[in-house]
Protein backbone atom coordinates (compact mmCIF):
# COMPACT_ATOMS: atom_id res chain seq x y z
CA MET A 1 146.65 80.84 23.73
CA ALA A 2 144.69 81.34 20.40
CA ASN A 3 141.75 83.24 19.55
CA ILE A 4 139.42 80.53 17.33
CA ILE A 5 137.86 83.60 15.87
CA LYS A 6 134.93 82.43 13.83
CA THR A 7 133.24 78.72 12.82
CA ASN A 8 130.72 77.69 10.75
CA MET A 9 131.58 74.27 11.75
CA ASP A 10 129.15 71.78 13.10
CA THR A 11 131.56 70.36 16.03
CA ILE A 12 129.27 66.57 16.27
CA GLY A 13 132.20 64.84 14.80
CA PHE A 14 134.60 66.87 13.70
CA ILE A 15 136.19 68.52 17.04
CA PRO A 16 137.62 72.38 15.86
CA GLU A 17 139.16 72.56 19.31
CA ILE A 18 141.52 69.24 19.26
CA TRP A 19 142.83 70.57 15.44
CA ALA A 20 143.06 74.16 16.37
CA ASN A 21 145.66 72.74 19.74
CA GLU A 22 148.04 70.53 17.85
CA ILE A 23 148.02 72.95 14.66
CA LEU A 24 149.29 75.46 17.03
CA ARG A 25 151.91 73.22 18.88
CA VAL A 26 153.57 72.63 15.32
CA LEU A 27 153.71 76.21 14.67
CA ARG A 28 155.33 77.40 18.25
CA ALA A 29 157.78 74.68 17.44
CA ASN A 30 158.46 75.32 14.41
CA SER A 31 158.38 80.05 14.53
CA ASP A 32 161.72 81.05 14.93
CA ILE A 33 162.26 82.74 11.63
CA ILE A 34 158.58 83.87 12.26
CA ASN A 35 159.21 85.39 15.46
CA ALA A 36 162.89 86.77 14.21
CA ILE A 37 160.37 89.60 11.84
CA ALA A 38 157.64 92.30 12.65
CA ARG A 39 154.18 90.57 12.04
CA ASP A 40 150.77 92.49 11.03
CA SER A 41 147.88 90.63 11.57
CA ASP A 42 143.89 91.43 11.10
CA PHE A 43 141.96 88.42 12.23
CA ASP A 44 138.33 90.31 11.14
CA THR A 45 138.51 91.24 7.51
CA PRO A 46 138.99 88.24 5.48
CA GLN A 47 141.12 88.88 1.86
CA GLU A 48 141.95 87.09 -1.10
CA ARG A 49 145.18 86.34 -2.49
CA GLY A 50 146.42 89.14 -4.81
CA ASP A 51 145.22 91.65 -2.33
CA VAL A 52 147.81 94.96 -1.46
CA ILE A 53 147.38 96.34 1.83
CA ASN A 54 149.80 99.06 2.95
CA ILE A 55 151.16 98.71 6.68
CA THR A 56 152.26 102.33 8.23
CA TYR A 57 155.52 102.24 10.17
CA PRO A 58 156.50 105.11 12.27
CA GLY A 59 160.61 107.15 11.97
CA THR A 60 162.60 108.46 14.20
CA PHE A 61 161.80 111.74 16.63
CA ALA A 62 164.01 114.35 17.14
CA VAL A 63 164.58 115.80 20.78
CA GLN A 64 163.32 119.37 21.30
CA ASN A 65 164.91 121.96 23.75
CA LYS A 66 162.34 123.47 26.10
CA ALA A 67 162.80 127.18 27.12
CA GLU A 68 160.91 128.72 29.99
CA ASP A 69 157.68 130.27 28.67
CA THR A 70 157.65 128.41 25.51
CA ALA A 71 155.51 126.14 23.32
CA ILE A 72 156.49 123.23 22.30
CA SER A 73 154.75 121.70 19.01
CA PRO A 74 154.25 118.18 18.35
CA ALA A 75 156.51 116.57 16.18
CA ALA A 76 156.11 114.56 13.59
CA PRO A 77 158.52 111.09 13.10
CA SER A 78 160.82 111.34 10.13
CA GLY A 79 161.90 108.60 7.89
CA GLY A 80 158.42 107.18 8.09
CA ALA A 81 156.81 105.83 5.54
CA LYS A 82 153.97 103.04 4.08
CA VAL A 83 155.09 99.72 2.85
CA ALA A 84 152.72 97.77 0.20
CA VAL A 85 152.94 93.60 1.04
CA ALA A 86 151.16 91.94 -1.29
CA LEU A 87 148.88 89.06 -0.39
CA SER A 88 150.49 86.69 -2.94
CA GLN A 89 151.29 83.61 -0.71
CA TYR A 90 148.12 81.58 0.02
CA LYS A 91 149.38 78.15 0.24
CA THR A 92 147.22 74.70 1.77
CA VAL A 93 147.67 71.04 2.90
CA ASP A 94 144.94 69.13 1.96
CA PHE A 95 144.96 65.25 3.19
CA LEU A 96 141.89 62.57 3.95
CA VAL A 97 141.02 61.39 7.28
CA GLU A 98 139.52 57.93 7.24
CA ASP A 99 138.78 57.13 10.60
CA LEU A 100 137.89 60.51 12.33
CA ALA A 101 137.03 59.47 15.50
CA ARG A 102 140.00 57.41 17.09
CA THR A 103 142.14 59.97 15.15
CA GLN A 104 141.08 62.67 17.37
CA SER A 105 141.10 60.64 19.92
CA ARG A 106 144.93 59.68 19.95
CA GLN A 107 147.84 62.33 19.73
CA ASP A 108 149.59 60.62 18.13
CA LEU A 109 147.71 59.62 15.42
CA MET A 110 146.49 63.56 15.30
CA GLU A 111 150.53 64.70 14.53
CA ARG A 112 150.26 62.08 11.92
CA TYR A 113 148.54 64.98 9.90
CA THR A 114 149.12 68.69 11.97
CA GLU A 115 153.17 67.68 12.11
CA PRO A 116 153.93 67.25 8.52
CA ALA A 117 150.87 69.70 7.31
CA VAL A 118 151.94 72.76 9.10
CA SER A 119 155.56 72.53 9.19
CA ALA A 120 155.36 72.20 4.94
CA ILE A 121 153.59 75.85 5.17
CA ILE A 122 155.97 77.39 8.27
CA GLU A 123 158.52 76.04 5.40
CA ASN A 124 157.37 77.75 2.92
CA ILE A 125 156.76 80.93 4.86
CA ALA A 126 160.05 80.89 6.10
CA SER A 127 161.30 80.73 2.31
CA ALA A 128 159.76 83.76 1.68
CA VAL A 129 161.85 85.43 4.48
CA HIS A 130 165.00 84.22 3.32
CA ALA A 131 163.90 85.38 0.18
CA LEU A 132 164.20 89.04 0.52
CA TYR A 133 168.29 88.50 1.77
CA SER A 134 168.60 90.27 -2.67
CA GLY A 135 166.95 93.41 -1.19
CA PHE A 136 169.39 93.95 1.66
CA SER A 137 171.82 96.82 0.53
CA GLN A 138 174.46 95.58 3.28
CA SER A 139 176.61 92.76 3.51
CA VAL A 140 179.18 91.43 5.37
CA GLY A 141 181.75 88.17 5.20
CA ALA A 142 182.92 86.11 1.73
CA SER A 143 181.08 83.79 -0.20
CA GLY A 144 183.06 79.95 -0.12
CA THR A 145 183.83 80.52 3.79
CA ASP A 146 182.19 79.43 6.54
CA ILE A 147 181.01 82.07 9.08
CA THR A 148 183.53 82.71 12.08
CA ALA A 149 183.10 84.56 15.20
CA ALA A 150 185.07 87.44 13.65
CA THR A 151 181.82 87.38 11.07
CA VAL A 152 178.84 87.94 13.82
CA ARG A 153 180.93 90.74 15.48
CA THR A 154 181.61 92.59 11.86
CA ALA A 155 177.55 91.94 11.26
CA GLY A 156 176.96 93.20 14.74
CA ARG A 157 178.93 96.25 13.93
CA ALA A 158 177.09 97.30 10.96
CA LEU A 159 174.16 97.16 12.76
CA ASP A 160 175.48 99.48 15.30
CA THR A 161 176.84 101.93 12.67
CA ALA A 162 173.89 102.31 11.80
CA LYS A 163 172.00 102.96 14.68
CA VAL A 164 169.73 99.64 15.13
CA PRO A 165 168.50 98.91 18.59
CA ARG A 166 170.48 96.28 20.20
CA ARG A 167 167.77 94.43 21.29
CA ASN A 168 165.31 91.47 19.12
CA ARG A 169 168.33 91.02 16.96
CA SER A 170 168.67 87.23 15.08
CA LEU A 171 170.67 85.95 13.28
CA ILE A 172 169.50 82.85 10.69
CA VAL A 173 172.70 80.36 9.55
CA SER A 174 172.80 77.04 7.48
CA SER A 175 173.08 74.37 9.15
CA LYS A 176 177.22 74.68 7.65
CA ASP A 177 178.00 77.83 9.68
CA TYR A 178 175.76 77.35 12.24
CA TYR A 179 178.05 74.03 12.75
CA SER A 180 180.68 76.48 11.64
CA LEU A 181 180.08 78.76 14.70
CA LEU A 182 180.01 75.84 17.21
CA GLY A 183 183.31 74.43 16.56
CA ASP A 184 185.09 78.26 16.05
CA SER A 185 188.34 77.82 17.99
CA ASN A 186 187.85 81.38 19.15
CA LEU A 187 184.53 80.69 20.89
CA GLN A 188 185.31 77.36 22.68
CA SER A 189 186.43 78.62 25.81
CA TYR A 190 183.12 81.16 25.81
CA PHE A 191 180.87 77.50 24.97
CA ALA A 192 183.28 75.54 27.35
CA ASN A 193 182.73 77.89 30.76
CA ALA A 194 179.94 80.20 30.37
CA ALA A 195 177.86 78.00 28.41
CA PRO A 196 178.64 75.01 29.10
CA ASP A 197 174.69 73.54 27.77
CA THR A 198 176.09 74.55 23.78
CA MET A 199 178.95 71.70 23.60
CA ARG A 200 175.96 69.08 24.87
CA ASP A 201 172.68 70.30 23.45
CA GLY A 202 174.55 71.59 20.23
CA LEU A 203 172.36 75.04 20.98
CA VAL A 204 174.61 78.36 20.46
CA GLY A 205 171.86 80.18 21.71
CA ARG A 206 172.69 83.80 22.38
CA LEU A 207 176.16 85.04 20.58
CA TYR A 208 176.98 89.04 20.15
CA GLY A 209 173.77 90.33 20.63
CA PHE A 210 172.22 87.88 18.30
CA ASP A 211 169.85 85.15 19.32
CA VAL A 212 170.92 82.11 16.81
CA TYR A 213 168.71 79.55 14.65
CA LEU A 214 169.79 77.00 12.16
CA SER A 215 167.79 77.21 9.25
CA GLN A 216 168.06 74.33 6.26
CA LEU A 217 165.63 76.55 3.93
CA VAL A 218 168.99 79.23 3.85
CA PRO A 219 169.16 80.10 0.35
CA VAL A 220 172.55 79.13 -1.94
CA VAL A 221 173.45 80.78 -5.09
CA THR A 222 175.77 78.60 -7.11
CA GLY A 223 178.36 79.77 -8.28
CA SER A 224 182.34 80.06 -8.31
CA PRO A 225 182.12 79.81 -4.67
CA ASP A 226 178.64 79.02 -3.73
CA SER A 227 177.39 81.56 -1.93
CA THR A 228 175.47 80.91 1.07
CA LYS A 229 172.96 84.03 2.30
CA ASN A 230 172.36 83.96 5.45
CA LEU A 231 170.48 86.80 7.38
CA ALA A 232 171.49 89.21 10.49
CA LEU A 233 168.77 91.53 11.29
CA HIS A 234 166.11 93.59 13.83
CA ARG A 235 162.99 92.35 14.33
CA ASP A 236 161.86 95.77 11.85
CA ALA A 237 163.79 94.70 9.11
CA ALA A 238 161.15 92.99 7.32
CA ILE A 239 157.41 92.31 7.53
CA LEU A 240 154.96 89.50 7.75
CA ALA A 241 151.14 89.80 7.54
CA PHE A 242 148.88 87.50 7.68
CA ARG A 243 144.82 88.08 6.57
CA PRO A 244 142.28 85.58 7.02
CA LEU A 245 140.11 83.82 4.30
CA SER A 246 136.35 83.91 3.56
CA ASP A 247 134.65 81.24 5.07
CA PRO A 248 133.18 78.97 2.39
CA PRO A 249 129.82 79.69 0.30
CA ALA A 250 126.65 78.63 2.57
CA GLY A 251 124.99 75.44 1.34
CA SER A 252 128.42 74.18 0.04
CA GLY A 253 128.54 71.57 2.26
CA ALA A 254 132.60 72.80 3.51
CA GLN A 255 132.73 73.41 6.77
CA SER A 256 135.41 76.21 8.25
CA MET A 257 137.58 77.65 11.51
CA THR A 258 139.97 79.77 11.89
CA ILE A 259 142.55 80.46 14.22
CA PHE A 260 144.73 83.59 15.05
CA ASP A 261 147.45 83.05 17.28
CA GLU A 262 148.54 85.81 19.52
CA GLN A 263 152.11 84.14 19.93
CA THR A 264 153.13 84.45 16.41
CA GLY A 265 150.92 86.59 14.95
CA VAL A 266 149.72 83.58 12.76
CA VAL A 267 146.71 83.14 10.82
CA MET A 268 145.12 80.04 9.72
CA ARG A 269 142.34 77.87 8.53
CA VAL A 270 141.01 74.71 8.79
CA LEU A 271 138.53 73.13 6.35
CA SER A 272 136.74 69.88 5.98
CA GLN A 273 133.83 68.20 4.18
CA TYR A 274 133.17 64.97 3.78
CA ASP A 275 134.19 62.82 0.54
CA MET A 276 132.32 60.36 -1.00
CA SER A 277 134.79 59.15 -3.26
CA HIS A 278 137.10 58.59 -0.33
CA ARG A 279 134.82 57.71 2.36
CA GLY A 280 136.46 59.98 4.91
CA LEU A 281 137.10 63.63 5.83
CA ARG A 282 138.62 65.88 3.49
CA VAL A 283 140.72 67.75 6.28
CA ALA A 284 142.31 71.09 4.51
CA ILE A 285 144.91 73.70 6.43
CA ASP A 286 145.75 77.05 4.55
CA CYS A 287 147.38 80.27 4.93
CA LEU A 288 147.29 83.35 3.64
CA TYR A 289 150.00 86.08 3.81
CA GLY A 290 152.69 88.38 2.23
CA VAL A 291 156.22 89.23 3.52
CA ALA A 292 157.89 92.78 2.49
CA GLU A 293 161.53 94.36 3.43
CA LEU A 294 160.63 97.24 5.98
CA ARG A 295 164.12 98.70 6.92
CA ASP A 296 166.84 97.97 4.72
CA ALA A 297 169.16 98.94 7.87
CA ALA A 298 168.10 96.90 9.69
CA GLY A 299 169.48 94.02 7.64
CA VAL A 300 172.29 92.41 6.68
CA VAL A 301 173.37 89.46 4.42
CA VAL A 302 176.10 87.40 6.11
CA LEU A 303 177.64 85.89 3.11
CA ALA A 304 179.20 82.18 3.46
């Protein structure tokens, strides 16, 4: 469940809980790439676009031998560091609701606003994550060649070689490569016998230790040939930081509500204000976030 952490909104007319529930429904249905990487959320301290936050992450510990009657000193992890994440992404979608009472009373009418509005923000977040491919030093596969089962195994081996944990691994691929995997002759017997729902529903699911997701936002760099930049990564390969925005000034006429979703770590704000010019309620859904590479060895660019 979400925590509605602060509100200065008069709930007579505009009902924030209804909008919050609809926003969360759309958010969670489109959060694959958000869940694939680490998140850092602070919903108590409002920030502004351009602020930089420093996030500490631990390294690895070395095992010590315990000898009899010998004290053990606490060990500090090695390889840990602080990563600076710029809150450079401030995204908003604004729209007008002319018949508020009717809209709030029917879910299908609410969906007309929340579905495209939240989806647009999630697409921007996903694009920012995809853009991190340029910072990862490891790559497998070949540009202009569709992904195969062998390519996925090679990506997994690269992570294993770097001693990346086998849990929480994701493979995010373009639609052409997703369907290439579905049609891979080396996987047909596996899909038919071990995962029959794959052929019926068109869902790859898990493959060689990866949760496989389709994304229509995978970058394609034009060239000879074009190069598709899919990603194979562990959760700690990158970090996505969300921070709340300040309430509008008192007396401005604008009202706000901030939502924190514990499941995805996403922080969003809903603003509302009556618009005399258009005779309706102006609603805005906005989000402040930043994304950065966290551990280079935990990410692999899968070329295709």
